Amino acid sequence: MEPIISSSLLVHAPMANKRSIIPVFTISLFIIIFVLVGLLLAGFLLFGRSGDGGSVLPAWAQTKRVEPPDERLAAAQKENPDTVAWITIPGTNIDAPVQQYGDNDYYLRRDEKGTEDYHGCIYADYTCRMNSGEKVSRNLIFYGHTFTDEDYEGGFEDLHKYRVFEFGQENPYIYVSLADEKLTYQIFSVWVCDVSTDTDCIQANPDDAAFQQILGKAVAGCAFDYGVDVTTDDHILTLSTCTADPNSRLLVVAKLIGGGGVDVAS
């Protein structure tokens, strides 16, 4: 006699097997993926530097790198509380503290210690915000003298070296240390402005329209192409100094590319 096989077993037994297999396979797959991702991250954390010193970590795994400020800044601030920054420009003799006061006249004829001195010192526009790299002004403005009729080598006289395009190509970076970090700027314009018609270029915290005008003048007034793109989303540094013409000023303008929350490819 043939055995009697229940139709319910023929239909439902295979379904029960599939249900038990699928969850096990899914869980196993998740475990394998989790382990592989863990090994990958561990490898990045242990060996996450490329041969040239740059990070090979994916962008989402990287933390913001903060460059510490120049150590001389803290010492200068102890000597004079008006010291707010330290500026260094490789290739020049510009490597000095930056002062700031409640107006732009006080340090015009005072040195970095506040002592009366005809040569003055490097100082920031009184409207600039410089409490931290994250909150620095949209247009950070520093002033310094140029004395063309004597042997004085301080101030911003060396900015005139940037009138030669090749010098700017070889020395494109400016470093500004604030209390919490060092900022890196890259030069994109060197031009001579008119003291009467271009006063808008020394606005520290302009709105979008005014900032676009500042950038437009800087680009249009520069005879060189440094290959640096700049938009109203950027922050800039403007260095202003005298020329032989009392009605004009030399402006060296640079874009913030490192620090202040800016993400820069290594």
C-alpha atoms as a PDB file:
ATOM      1  CA  MET A   1       0.000   0.000   0.000  1.00  0.00           C
ATOM      2  CA  GLU A   2       1.273   3.461  -0.887  1.00  0.00           C
ATOM      3  CA  PRO A   3       1.947   5.703   2.104  1.00  0.00           C
ATOM      4  CA  ILE A   4      -0.502   8.505   2.606  1.00  0.00           C
ATOM      5  CA  ILE A   5       1.187  11.909   2.358  1.00  0.00           C
ATOM      6  CA  SER A   6      -0.643  14.897   3.722  1.00  0.00           C
ATOM      7  CA  SER A   7      -1.147  17.723   1.243  1.00  0.00           C
ATOM      8  CA  SER A   8      -0.464  20.180   4.059  1.00  0.00           C
ATOM      9  CA  LEU A   9       3.031  18.802   4.435  1.00  0.00           C
ATOM     10  CA  LEU A  10       3.690  19.081   0.732  1.00  0.00           C
ATOM     11  CA  VAL A  11       2.689  22.712   0.700  1.00  0.00           C
ATOM     12  CA  HIS A  12       3.785  24.140   4.020  1.00  0.00           C
ATOM     13  CA  ALA A  13       6.916  22.261   5.032  1.00  0.00           C
ATOM     14  CA  PRO A  14       9.187  23.849   2.355  1.00  0.00           C
ATOM     15  CA  MET A  15       7.927  27.314   3.284  1.00  0.00           C
ATOM     16  CA  ALA A  16       8.973  26.783   6.868  1.00  0.00           C
ATOM     17  CA  ASN A  17      12.503  25.879   5.740  1.00  0.00           C
ATOM     18  CA  LYS A  18      12.826  29.032   3.623  1.00  0.00           C
ATOM     19  CA  ARG A  19      11.715  31.220   6.502  1.00  0.00           C
ATOM     20  CA  SER A  20      14.354  29.795   8.778  1.00  0.00           C
ATOM     21  CA  ILE A  21      17.141  30.051   6.203  1.00  0.00           C
ATOM     22  CA  ILE A  22      16.573  33.677   5.101  1.00  0.00           C
ATOM     23  CA  PRO A  23      16.995  35.331   8.554  1.00  0.00           C
ATOM     24  CA  VAL A  24      20.166  33.336   9.233  1.00  0.00           C
ATOM     25  CA  PHE A  25      21.653  34.359   5.878  1.00  0.00           C
ATOM     26  CA  THR A  26      20.748  38.024   6.430  1.00  0.00           C
ATOM     27  CA  ILE A  27      22.254  38.114   9.916  1.00  0.00           C
ATOM     28  CA  SER A  28      25.423  36.429   8.689  1.00  0.00           C
ATOM     29  CA  LEU A  29      25.753  38.955   5.883  1.00  0.00           C
ATOM     30  CA  PHE A  30      25.416  41.872   8.287  1.00  0.00           C
ATOM     31  CA  ILE A  31      28.041  40.371  10.585  1.00  0.00           C
ATOM     32  CA  ILE A  32      30.486  39.936   7.690  1.00  0.00           C
ATOM     33  CA  ILE A  33      29.933  43.536   6.505  1.00  0.00           C
ATOM     34  CA  PHE A  34      30.336  44.870  10.054  1.00  0.00           C
ATOM     35  CA  VAL A  35      33.610  43.012  10.533  1.00  0.00           C
ATOM     36  CA  LEU A  36      34.993  44.178   7.172  1.00  0.00           C
ATOM     37  CA  VAL A  37      34.097  47.817   7.866  1.00  0.00           C
ATOM     38  CA  GLY A  38      35.694  47.562  11.298  1.00  0.00           C
ATOM     39  CA  LEU A  39      38.904  46.164   9.846  1.00  0.00           C
ATOM     40  CA  LEU A  40      38.938  48.882   7.182  1.00  0.00           C
ATOM     41  CA  LEU A  41      38.557  51.681   9.727  1.00  0.00           C
ATOM     42  CA  ALA A  42      41.172  50.129  11.993  1.00  0.00           C
ATOM     43  CA  GLY A  43      43.594  50.048   9.085  1.00  0.00           C
ATOM     44  CA  PHE A  44      42.918  53.690   8.263  1.00  0.00           C
ATOM     45  CA  LEU A  45      43.416  54.761  11.861  1.00  0.00           C
ATOM     46  CA  LEU A  46      46.678  52.840  12.181  1.00  0.00           C
ATOM     47  CA  PHE A  47      48.104  53.601   8.747  1.00  0.00           C
ATOM     48  CA  GLY A  48      45.980  56.524   7.598  1.00  0.00           C
ATOM     49  CA  ARG A  49      48.751  58.605   6.048  1.00  0.00           C
ATOM     50  CA  SER A  50      49.772  58.607   2.434  1.00  0.00           C
ATOM     51  CA  GLY A  51      53.378  58.604   1.327  1.00  0.00           C
ATOM     52  CA  ASP A  52      53.461  62.385   0.923  1.00  0.00           C
ATOM     53  CA  GLY A  53      52.199  62.972   4.449  1.00  0.00           C
ATOM     54  CA  GLY A  54      48.580  63.704   3.468  1.00  0.00           C
ATOM     55  CA  SER A  55      45.662  61.901   5.045  1.00  0.00           C
ATOM     56  CA  VAL A  56      44.150  58.960   3.177  1.00  0.00           C
ATOM     57  CA  LEU A  57      41.134  58.820   5.449  1.00  0.00           C
ATOM     58  CA  PRO A  58      37.809  59.361   3.678  1.00  0.00           C
ATOM     59  CA  ALA A  59      36.396  62.870   4.081  1.00  0.00           C
ATOM     60  CA  TRP A  60      33.634  61.703   6.447  1.00  0.00           C
ATOM     61  CA  ALA A  61      36.182  60.092   8.750  1.00  0.00           C
ATOM     62  CA  GLN A  62      38.560  63.033   8.946  1.00  0.00           C
ATOM     63  CA  THR A  63      38.557  65.478  11.852  1.00  0.00           C
ATOM     64  CA  LYS A  64      39.301  69.162  11.465  1.00  0.00           C
ATOM     65  CA  ARG A  65      43.024  69.839  11.738  1.00  0.00           C
ATOM     66  CA  VAL A  66      43.868  72.981  13.679  1.00  0.00           C
ATOM     67  CA  GLU A  67      47.305  74.507  13.137  1.00  0.00           C
ATOM     68  CA  PRO A  68      48.576  75.923  16.442  1.00  0.00           C
ATOM     69  CA  PRO A  69      49.413  79.638  16.523  1.00  0.00           C
ATOM     70  CA  ASP A  70      52.926  81.015  16.428  1.00  0.00           C
ATOM     71  CA  GLU A  71      54.422  80.673  19.903  1.00  0.00           C
ATOM     72  CA  ARG A  72      55.685  84.252  19.784  1.00  0.00           C
ATOM     73  CA  LEU A  73      52.128  85.570  19.807  1.00  0.00           C
ATOM     74  CA  ALA A  74      51.505  84.669  23.448  1.00  0.00           C
ATOM     75  CA  ALA A  75      54.757  86.330  24.514  1.00  0.00           C
ATOM     76  CA  ALA A  76      53.908  89.490  22.560  1.00  0.00           C
ATOM     77  CA  GLN A  77      50.445  89.612  24.130  1.00  0.00           C
ATOM     78  CA  LYS A  78      52.021  89.567  27.588  1.00  0.00           C
ATOM     79  CA  GLU A  79      54.100  92.619  26.663  1.00  0.00           C
ATOM     80  CA  ASN A  80      51.177  94.437  25.067  1.00  0.00           C
ATOM     81  CA  PRO A  81      47.536  93.333  25.468  1.00  0.00           C
ATOM     82  CA  ASP A  82      46.708  95.179  22.224  1.00  0.00           C
ATOM     83  CA  THR A  83      48.495  92.437  20.301  1.00  0.00           C
ATOM     84  CA  VAL A  84      45.857  90.389  18.472  1.00  0.00           C
ATOM     85  CA  ALA A  85      47.794  88.406  15.859  1.00  0.00           C
ATOM     86  CA  TRP A  86      51.148  87.461  14.399  1.00  0.00           C
ATOM     87  CA  ILE A  87      51.776  87.734  10.658  1.00  0.00           C
ATOM     88  CA  THR A  88      54.471  85.872   8.723  1.00  0.00           C
ATOM     89  CA  ILE A  89      55.129  86.144   4.980  1.00  0.00           C
ATOM     90  CA  PRO A  90      57.864  83.812   3.700  1.00  0.00           C
ATOM     91  CA  GLY A  91      60.305  85.476   1.312  1.00  0.00           C
ATOM     92  CA  THR A  92      59.926  88.839   3.037  1.00  0.00           C
ATOM     93  CA  ASN A  93      61.051  90.430   6.304  1.00  0.00           C
ATOM     94  CA  ILE A  94      57.418  90.619   7.438  1.00  0.00           C
ATOM     95  CA  ASP A  95      57.315  88.493  10.583  1.00  0.00           C
ATOM     96  CA  ALA A  96      55.818  90.547  13.374  1.00  0.00           C
ATOM     97  CA  PRO A  97      52.994  91.047  15.873  1.00  0.00           C
ATOM     98  CA  VAL A  98      49.805  92.827  14.855  1.00  0.00           C
ATOM     99  CA  GLN A  99      48.164  95.421  17.099  1.00  0.00           C
ATOM    100  CA  GLN A 100      44.562  96.624  17.314  1.00  0.00           C
ATOM    101  CA  TYR A 101      43.025  99.577  19.113  1.00  0.00           C
ATOM    102  CA  GLY A 102      39.694 101.377  19.227  1.00  0.00           C
ATOM    103  CA  ASP A 103      40.584 103.499  16.188  1.00  0.00           C
ATOM    104  CA  ASN A 104      42.973 103.371  13.241  1.00  0.00           C
ATOM    105  CA  ASP A 105      45.070 106.353  14.336  1.00  0.00           C
ATOM    106  CA  TYR A 106      46.547 105.164  17.621  1.00  0.00           C
ATOM    107  CA  TYR A 107      49.172 102.805  16.158  1.00  0.00           C
ATOM    108  CA  LEU A 108      49.838 104.924  13.106  1.00  0.00           C
ATOM    109  CA  ARG A 109      52.872 106.393  14.896  1.00  0.00           C
ATOM    110  CA  ARG A 110      53.455 103.866  17.684  1.00  0.00           C
ATOM    111  CA  ASP A 111      55.515 100.683  17.756  1.00  0.00           C
ATOM    112  CA  GLU A 112      54.233  97.223  18.724  1.00  0.00           C
ATOM    113  CA  LYS A 113      54.734  98.014  22.417  1.00  0.00           C
ATOM    114  CA  GLY A 114      52.653 101.194  22.246  1.00  0.00           C
ATOM    115  CA  THR A 115      55.624 103.538  22.451  1.00  0.00           C
ATOM    116  CA  GLU A 116      55.527 106.605  20.216  1.00  0.00           C
ATOM    117  CA  ASP A 117      57.465 105.883  17.030  1.00  0.00           C
ATOM    118  CA  TYR A 118      57.250 107.689  13.691  1.00  0.00           C
ATOM    119  CA  HIS A 119      57.589 104.387  11.821  1.00  0.00           C
ATOM    120  CA  GLY A 120      54.496 102.947  13.464  1.00  0.00           C
ATOM    121  CA  CYS A 121      53.857  99.182  13.334  1.00  0.00           C
ATOM    122  CA  ILE A 122      51.585  96.636  11.705  1.00  0.00           C
ATOM    123  CA  TYR A 123      48.034  96.967  12.993  1.00  0.00           C
ATOM    124  CA  ALA A 124      44.560  95.657  12.223  1.00  0.00           C
ATOM    125  CA  ASP A 125      41.574  97.749  11.259  1.00  0.00           C
ATOM    126  CA  TYR A 126      39.661  98.527  14.431  1.00  0.00           C
ATOM    127  CA  THR A 127      36.449  97.034  12.992  1.00  0.00           C
ATOM    128  CA  CYS A 128      37.956  93.590  12.384  1.00  0.00           C
ATOM    129  CA  ARG A 129      36.806  90.600  14.430  1.00  0.00           C
ATOM    130  CA  MET A 130      39.778  88.502  15.493  1.00  0.00           C
ATOM    131  CA  ASN A 131      38.647  86.614  18.591  1.00  0.00           C
ATOM    132  CA  SER A 132      39.087  83.225  16.936  1.00  0.00           C
ATOM    133  CA  GLY A 133      39.707  81.585  13.599  1.00  0.00           C
ATOM    134  CA  GLU A 134      36.065  80.514  13.385  1.00  0.00           C
ATOM    135  CA  LYS A 135      34.816  84.087  13.842  1.00  0.00           C
ATOM    136  CA  VAL A 136      37.390  86.083  11.906  1.00  0.00           C
ATOM    137  CA  SER A 137      36.084  88.965   9.781  1.00  0.00           C
ATOM    138  CA  ARG A 138      35.087  88.363   6.196  1.00  0.00           C
ATOM    139  CA  ASN A 139      37.766  90.826   5.143  1.00  0.00           C
ATOM    140  CA  LEU A 140      40.652  90.894   7.612  1.00  0.00           C
ATOM    141  CA  ILE A 141      42.551  94.163   7.101  1.00  0.00           C
ATOM    142  CA  PHE A 142      46.110  94.953   8.214  1.00  0.00           C
ATOM    143  CA  TYR A 143      47.963  98.243   7.711  1.00  0.00           C
ATOM    144  CA  GLY A 144      51.689  98.920   7.663  1.00  0.00           C
ATOM    145  CA  HIS A 145      53.961 101.745   6.499  1.00  0.00           C
ATOM    146  CA  THR A 146      56.347 101.900   3.554  1.00  0.00           C
ATOM    147  CA  PHE A 147      59.158 104.453   3.772  1.00  0.00           C
ATOM    148  CA  THR A 148      60.658 104.906   0.325  1.00  0.00           C
ATOM    149  CA  ASP A 149      62.924 107.797   1.277  1.00  0.00           C
ATOM    150  CA  GLU A 150      65.029 106.097   3.953  1.00  0.00           C
ATOM    151  CA  ASP A 151      66.687 102.819   4.890  1.00  0.00           C
ATOM    152  CA  TYR A 152      63.956 101.669   7.267  1.00  0.00           C
ATOM    153  CA  GLU A 153      63.093  98.017   6.507  1.00  0.00           C
ATOM    154  CA  GLY A 154      60.165  97.404   8.825  1.00  0.00           C
ATOM    155  CA  GLY A 155      56.432  97.716   8.273  1.00  0.00           C
ATOM    156  CA  PHE A 156      55.025  96.568   4.948  1.00  0.00           C
ATOM    157  CA  GLU A 157      57.761  97.807   2.631  1.00  0.00           C
ATOM    158  CA  ASP A 158      58.490  94.263   1.462  1.00  0.00           C
ATOM    159  CA  LEU A 159      54.948  93.965   0.087  1.00  0.00           C
ATOM    160  CA  HIS A 160      56.219  95.894  -2.922  1.00  0.00           C
ATOM    161  CA  LYS A 161      58.150  92.772  -3.921  1.00  0.00           C
ATOM    162  CA  TYR A 162      54.797  91.397  -5.046  1.00  0.00           C
ATOM    163  CA  ARG A 163      54.758  93.910  -7.888  1.00  0.00           C
ATOM    164  CA  VAL A 164      56.901  91.298  -9.629  1.00  0.00           C
ATOM    165  CA  PHE A 165      54.690  88.390 -10.675  1.00  0.00           C
ATOM    166  CA  GLU A 166      57.380  85.740 -10.259  1.00  0.00           C
ATOM    167  CA  PHE A 167      57.887  86.721  -6.633  1.00  0.00           C
ATOM    168  CA  GLY A 168      54.204  86.136  -5.943  1.00  0.00           C
ATOM    169  CA  GLN A 169      54.348  82.740  -7.627  1.00  0.00           C
ATOM    170  CA  GLU A 170      57.275  81.707  -5.454  1.00  0.00           C
ATOM    171  CA  ASN A 171      55.813  83.155  -2.241  1.00  0.00           C
ATOM    172  CA  PRO A 172      52.020  82.796  -2.475  1.00  0.00           C
ATOM    173  CA  TYR A 173      51.154  82.191   1.177  1.00  0.00           C
ATOM    174  CA  ILE A 174      50.582  84.442   4.176  1.00  0.00           C
ATOM    175  CA  TYR A 175      50.249  83.067   7.695  1.00  0.00           C
ATOM    176  CA  VAL A 176      48.232  84.822  10.386  1.00  0.00           C
ATOM    177  CA  SER A 177      48.237  83.432  13.919  1.00  0.00           C
ATOM    178  CA  LEU A 178      45.294  84.263  16.161  1.00  0.00           C
ATOM    179  CA  ALA A 179      44.903  83.225  19.785  1.00  0.00           C
ATOM    180  CA  ASP A 180      43.460  79.804  18.943  1.00  0.00           C
ATOM    181  CA  GLU A 181      44.997  78.828  15.593  1.00  0.00           C
ATOM    182  CA  LYS A 182      47.123  79.751  12.617  1.00  0.00           C
ATOM    183  CA  LEU A 183      45.311  80.770   9.426  1.00  0.00           C
ATOM    184  CA  THR A 184      46.727  80.308   5.936  1.00  0.00           C
ATOM    185  CA  TYR A 185      45.914  82.714   3.117  1.00  0.00           C
ATOM    186  CA  GLN A 186      46.824  82.447  -0.565  1.00  0.00           C
ATOM    187  CA  ILE A 187      47.430  85.601  -2.600  1.00  0.00           C
ATOM    188  CA  PHE A 188      45.105  86.200  -5.545  1.00  0.00           C
ATOM    189  CA  SER A 189      45.512  89.938  -6.183  1.00  0.00           C
ATOM    190  CA  VAL A 190      48.137  92.681  -6.007  1.00  0.00           C
ATOM    191  CA  TRP A 191      46.912  96.071  -7.111  1.00  0.00           C
ATOM    192  CA  VAL A 192      47.080  99.812  -6.477  1.00  0.00           C
ATOM    193  CA  CYS A 193      43.871 101.431  -5.273  1.00  0.00           C
ATOM    194  CA  ASP A 194      42.809 105.053  -5.082  1.00  0.00           C
ATOM    195  CA  VAL A 195      42.449 106.387  -1.534  1.00  0.00           C
ATOM    196  CA  SER A 196      39.390 108.425  -2.501  1.00  0.00           C
ATOM    197  CA  THR A 197      37.355 106.098  -4.720  1.00  0.00           C
ATOM    198  CA  ASP A 198      38.301 102.673  -3.371  1.00  0.00           C
ATOM    199  CA  THR A 199      37.558 103.106   0.325  1.00  0.00           C
ATOM    200  CA  ASP A 200      34.986 100.312   0.037  1.00  0.00           C
ATOM    201  CA  CYS A 201      37.876  97.851  -0.248  1.00  0.00           C
ATOM    202  CA  ILE A 202      38.688  98.289   3.423  1.00  0.00           C
ATOM    203  CA  GLN A 203      35.342  97.178   4.826  1.00  0.00           C
ATOM    204  CA  ALA A 204      35.921  94.423   7.354  1.00  0.00           C
ATOM    205  CA  ASN A 205      32.415  92.969   7.456  1.00  0.00           C
ATOM    206  CA  PRO A 206      30.640  93.835   4.189  1.00  0.00           C
ATOM    207  CA  ASP A 207      27.335  92.363   3.053  1.00  0.00           C
ATOM    208  CA  ASP A 208      27.263  90.098  -0.016  1.00  0.00           C
ATOM    209  CA  ALA A 209      26.808  92.924  -2.513  1.00  0.00           C
ATOM    210  CA  ALA A 210      29.616  95.031  -1.060  1.00  0.00           C
ATOM    211  CA  PHE A 211      31.884  91.999  -0.746  1.00  0.00           C
ATOM    212  CA  GLN A 212      31.283  91.091  -4.390  1.00  0.00           C
ATOM    213  CA  GLN A 213      32.336  94.622  -5.333  1.00  0.00           C
ATOM    214  CA  ILE A 214      35.494  94.322  -3.234  1.00  0.00           C
ATOM    215  CA  LEU A 215      36.407  91.039  -4.928  1.00  0.00           C
ATOM    216  CA  GLY A 216      35.578  92.439  -8.353  1.00  0.00           C
ATOM    217  CA  LYS A 217      37.870  95.417  -7.875  1.00  0.00           C
ATOM    218  CA  ALA A 218      40.687  93.233  -6.568  1.00  0.00           C
ATOM    219  CA  VAL A 219      40.512  90.893  -9.554  1.00  0.00           C
ATOM    220  CA  ALA A 220      40.021  93.623 -12.157  1.00  0.00           C
ATOM    221  CA  GLY A 221      42.759  95.829 -10.723  1.00  0.00           C
ATOM    222  CA  CYS A 222      45.380  93.079 -10.687  1.00  0.00           C
ATOM    223  CA  ALA A 223      47.592  92.711 -13.755  1.00  0.00           C
ATOM    224  CA  PHE A 224      48.499  89.129 -12.816  1.00  0.00           C
ATOM    225  CA  ASP A 225      46.578  85.862 -12.897  1.00  0.00           C
ATOM    226  CA  TYR A 226      47.421  83.738  -9.878  1.00  0.00           C
ATOM    227  CA  GLY A 227      44.905  81.048 -10.813  1.00  0.00           C
ATOM    228  CA  VAL A 228      43.042  81.368  -7.514  1.00  0.00           C
ATOM    229  CA  ASP A 229      39.241  81.435  -7.673  1.00  0.00           C
ATOM    230  CA  VAL A 230      37.426  83.542  -5.111  1.00  0.00           C
ATOM    231  CA  THR A 231      33.709  83.999  -4.357  1.00  0.00           C
ATOM    232  CA  THR A 232      31.518  85.647  -1.739  1.00  0.00           C
ATOM    233  CA  ASP A 233      31.611  82.370   0.199  1.00  0.00           C
ATOM    234  CA  ASP A 234      35.288  83.002   0.957  1.00  0.00           C
ATOM    235  CA  HIS A 235      37.117  85.039   3.581  1.00  0.00           C
ATOM    236  CA  ILE A 236      40.002  87.272   2.568  1.00  0.00           C
ATOM    237  CA  LEU A 237      42.984  89.145   3.981  1.00  0.00           C
ATOM    238  CA  THR A 238      43.804  92.659   2.750  1.00  0.00           C
ATOM    239  CA  LEU A 239      47.248  94.107   3.432  1.00  0.00           C
ATOM    240  CA  SER A 240      47.477  97.834   2.778  1.00  0.00           C
ATOM    241  CA  THR A 241      50.593 100.000   2.530  1.00  0.00           C
ATOM    242  CA  CYS A 242      51.766 103.336   1.143  1.00  0.00           C
ATOM    243  CA  THR A 243      53.158 104.016  -2.309  1.00  0.00           C
ATOM    244  CA  ALA A 244      55.219 106.887  -3.651  1.00  0.00           C
ATOM    245  CA  ASP A 245      51.909 108.500  -4.596  1.00  0.00           C
ATOM    246  CA  PRO A 246      50.101 109.824  -1.499  1.00  0.00           C
ATOM    247  CA  ASN A 247      46.774 109.330  -3.268  1.00  0.00           C
ATOM    248  CA  SER A 248      47.155 105.571  -3.715  1.00  0.00           C
ATOM    249  CA  ARG A 249      47.773 102.427  -1.682  1.00  0.00           C
ATOM    250  CA  LEU A 250      49.222  99.054  -2.595  1.00  0.00           C
ATOM    251  CA  LEU A 251      46.846  96.230  -1.655  1.00  0.00           C
ATOM    252  CA  VAL A 252      47.911  92.615  -1.414  1.00  0.00           C
ATOM    253  CA  VAL A 253      44.771  90.497  -1.162  1.00  0.00           C
ATOM    254  CA  ALA A 254      44.679  86.810  -0.234  1.00  0.00           C
ATOM    255  CA  LYS A 255      42.046  84.105   0.188  1.00  0.00           C
ATOM    256  CA  LEU A 256      41.662  82.035   3.350  1.00  0.00           C
ATOM    257  CA  ILE A 257      42.520  78.440   2.452  1.00  0.00           C
ATOM    258  CA  GLY A 258      43.455  76.911   5.799  1.00  0.00           C
ATOM    259  CA  GLY A 259      42.038  77.289   9.315  1.00  0.00           C
ATOM    260  CA  GLY A 260      38.926  79.075  10.453  1.00  0.00           C
ATOM    261  CA  GLY A 261      36.808  76.016   9.684  1.00  0.00           C
ATOM    262  CA  VAL A 262      37.899  75.910   6.043  1.00  0.00           C
ATOM    263  CA  ASP A 263      38.306  72.390   4.641  1.00  0.00           C
ATOM    264  CA  VAL A 264      41.523  72.105   2.659  1.00  0.00           C
ATOM    265  CA  ALA A 265      42.700  69.078   0.747  1.00  0.00           C
ATOM    266  CA  SER A 266      45.976  67.761   2.104  1.00  0.00           C
END
